[in-house]
Amino acid sequence: KDCHWGIIVRGFYQSGYGFSIDNQGNYYLTYLGETPNDYLGNIKAGSHSAIRWEEPNTITALVEGDNLTFFVNEVPIITYQADNSTSPEISWLIWAAEGVSAVYELDDLIVKEK
């Protein structure tokens, strides 16, 4: 509880669009911004039955120009039109609230180009 993990596209840990899930079926799409003043927080948050509770999940990000589509376990969860369509960066996203103890196992980051 109070922790989530995912992927950032179109930026690094202090910028870009972060998509993450938690172990209770929730997802979060956040714009971190290119500068601190750009931070928007959660663009969209919700829950989806494709996210497995307390089990491994696979996140896929499909980035085509300014269109971002995020999948969990091969099910599309959210599509968003980004403002930033040129940044090629990609990184992991891991978050835990203060005092939370969590163990993450992240593997198989695969990047494909069309």
Protein backbone atom coordinates (compact mmCIF):
# COMPACT_ATOMS: atom_id res chain seq x y z
CA LYS A 1 0.00 0.00 0.00
CA ASP A 2 1.14 3.58 -0.71
CA CYS A 3 3.68 2.58 -3.35
CA HIS A 4 3.63 2.23 -7.12
CA TRP A 5 5.93 1.56 -10.06
CA GLY A 6 5.97 2.12 -13.79
CA ILE A 7 7.68 3.86 -16.66
CA ILE A 8 8.46 7.43 -17.73
CA VAL A 9 8.43 8.33 -21.42
CA ARG A 10 9.43 11.58 -23.10
CA GLY A 11 11.71 12.40 -20.16
CA PHE A 12 13.71 11.31 -17.13
CA TYR A 13 12.83 11.13 -13.42
CA GLN A 14 12.30 14.89 -13.18
CA SER A 15 10.47 15.33 -16.47
CA GLY A 16 8.23 13.51 -18.90
CA TYR A 17 5.06 11.47 -18.63
CA GLY A 18 4.96 8.83 -15.92
CA PHE A 19 2.57 5.88 -16.01
CA SER A 20 2.49 3.73 -12.89
CA ILE A 21 0.40 1.09 -11.16
CA ASP A 22 0.07 -0.14 -7.60
CA ASN A 23 -0.65 -3.55 -6.14
CA GLN A 24 -4.32 -2.74 -5.56
CA GLY A 25 -5.41 -2.30 -9.18
CA ASN A 26 -4.88 1.45 -9.51
CA TYR A 27 -3.04 3.40 -12.23
CA TYR A 28 -1.68 6.94 -12.46
CA LEU A 29 -0.68 9.07 -15.45
CA THR A 30 1.42 12.04 -14.34
CA TYR A 31 3.12 14.85 -16.22
CA LEU A 32 6.31 15.74 -14.42
CA GLY A 33 7.12 18.68 -16.71
CA GLU A 34 10.34 19.84 -18.30
CA THR A 35 10.86 22.43 -15.54
CA PRO A 36 9.56 22.43 -11.92
CA ASN A 37 6.89 24.98 -12.91
CA ASP A 38 5.47 22.55 -15.49
CA TYR A 39 4.50 19.88 -12.93
CA LEU A 40 0.81 19.01 -13.33
CA GLY A 41 0.56 16.06 -10.96
CA ASN A 42 -1.87 13.35 -11.92
CA ILE A 43 -3.40 13.85 -15.36
CA LYS A 44 -5.56 10.80 -14.81
CA ALA A 45 -5.88 8.26 -12.03
CA GLY A 46 -8.20 5.31 -11.79
CA SER A 47 -8.46 1.57 -11.43
CA HIS A 48 -8.62 -1.24 -13.97
CA SER A 49 -9.31 -4.96 -13.74
CA ALA A 50 -6.30 -5.74 -15.98
CA ILE A 51 -3.97 -4.81 -13.12
CA ARG A 52 -3.32 -7.94 -11.03
CA TRP A 53 -3.33 -7.52 -7.25
CA GLU A 54 -0.22 -8.80 -5.50
CA GLU A 55 1.04 -10.47 -8.71
CA PRO A 56 3.52 -9.55 -11.46
CA ASN A 57 2.22 -7.13 -14.10
CA THR A 58 3.61 -6.11 -17.47
CA ILE A 59 3.48 -2.45 -18.50
CA THR A 60 3.81 -1.48 -22.16
CA ALA A 61 4.16 2.09 -23.42
CA LEU A 62 3.42 2.75 -27.09
CA VAL A 63 4.77 6.17 -28.10
CA GLU A 64 3.90 7.38 -31.60
CA GLY A 65 4.63 11.06 -32.15
CA ASP A 66 2.62 12.91 -29.52
CA ASN A 67 0.26 9.97 -28.85
CA LEU A 68 1.02 7.90 -25.74
CA THR A 69 -0.83 4.66 -25.05
CA PHE A 70 -0.18 2.62 -21.92
CA PHE A 71 -1.09 -1.04 -21.52
CA VAL A 72 -1.06 -3.38 -18.54
CA ASN A 73 -0.88 -7.09 -19.28
CA GLU A 74 -1.59 -6.32 -22.96
CA VAL A 75 -4.84 -4.45 -22.17
CA PRO A 76 -4.96 -0.74 -23.17
CA ILE A 77 -5.51 1.38 -20.06
CA ILE A 78 -5.15 4.99 -21.21
CA THR A 79 -4.23 7.05 -24.29
CA TYR A 80 -3.01 10.62 -23.98
CA GLN A 81 -1.87 13.29 -26.42
CA ALA A 82 1.43 14.70 -25.14
CA ASP A 83 2.67 18.26 -25.51
CA ASN A 84 6.25 17.03 -25.91
CA SER A 85 6.66 14.87 -29.01
CA THR A 86 10.43 15.02 -29.48
CA SER A 87 12.10 13.87 -26.27
CA PRO A 88 13.44 10.30 -26.76
CA GLU A 89 14.18 9.50 -23.09
CA ILE A 90 12.68 6.58 -21.17
CA SER A 91 13.20 5.51 -17.56
CA TRP A 92 11.76 3.49 -14.67
CA LEU A 93 9.39 5.09 -12.16
CA ILE A 94 9.33 3.86 -8.55
CA TRP A 95 7.55 5.63 -5.71
CA ALA A 96 6.87 4.78 -2.07
CA ALA A 97 5.36 6.92 0.67
CA GLU A 98 7.48 7.84 3.66
CA GLY A 99 7.89 4.89 6.00
CA VAL A 100 6.71 2.33 3.45
CA SER A 101 8.84 -0.76 2.93
CA ALA A 102 8.58 -2.35 -0.51
CA VAL A 103 10.51 -4.77 -2.68
CA TYR A 104 10.42 -4.21 -6.44
CA GLU A 105 11.62 -6.60 -9.11
CA LEU A 106 11.94 -4.88 -12.47
CA ASP A 107 13.18 -6.71 -15.53
CA ASP A 108 12.93 -7.00 -19.26
CA LEU A 109 12.86 -3.37 -20.35
CA ILE A 110 12.44 -3.80 -24.09
CA VAL A 111 12.57 -0.84 -26.45
CA LYS A 112 11.41 -1.38 -30.02
CA GLU A 113 11.43 1.10 -32.87
CA LYS A 114 8.94 0.89 -35.72
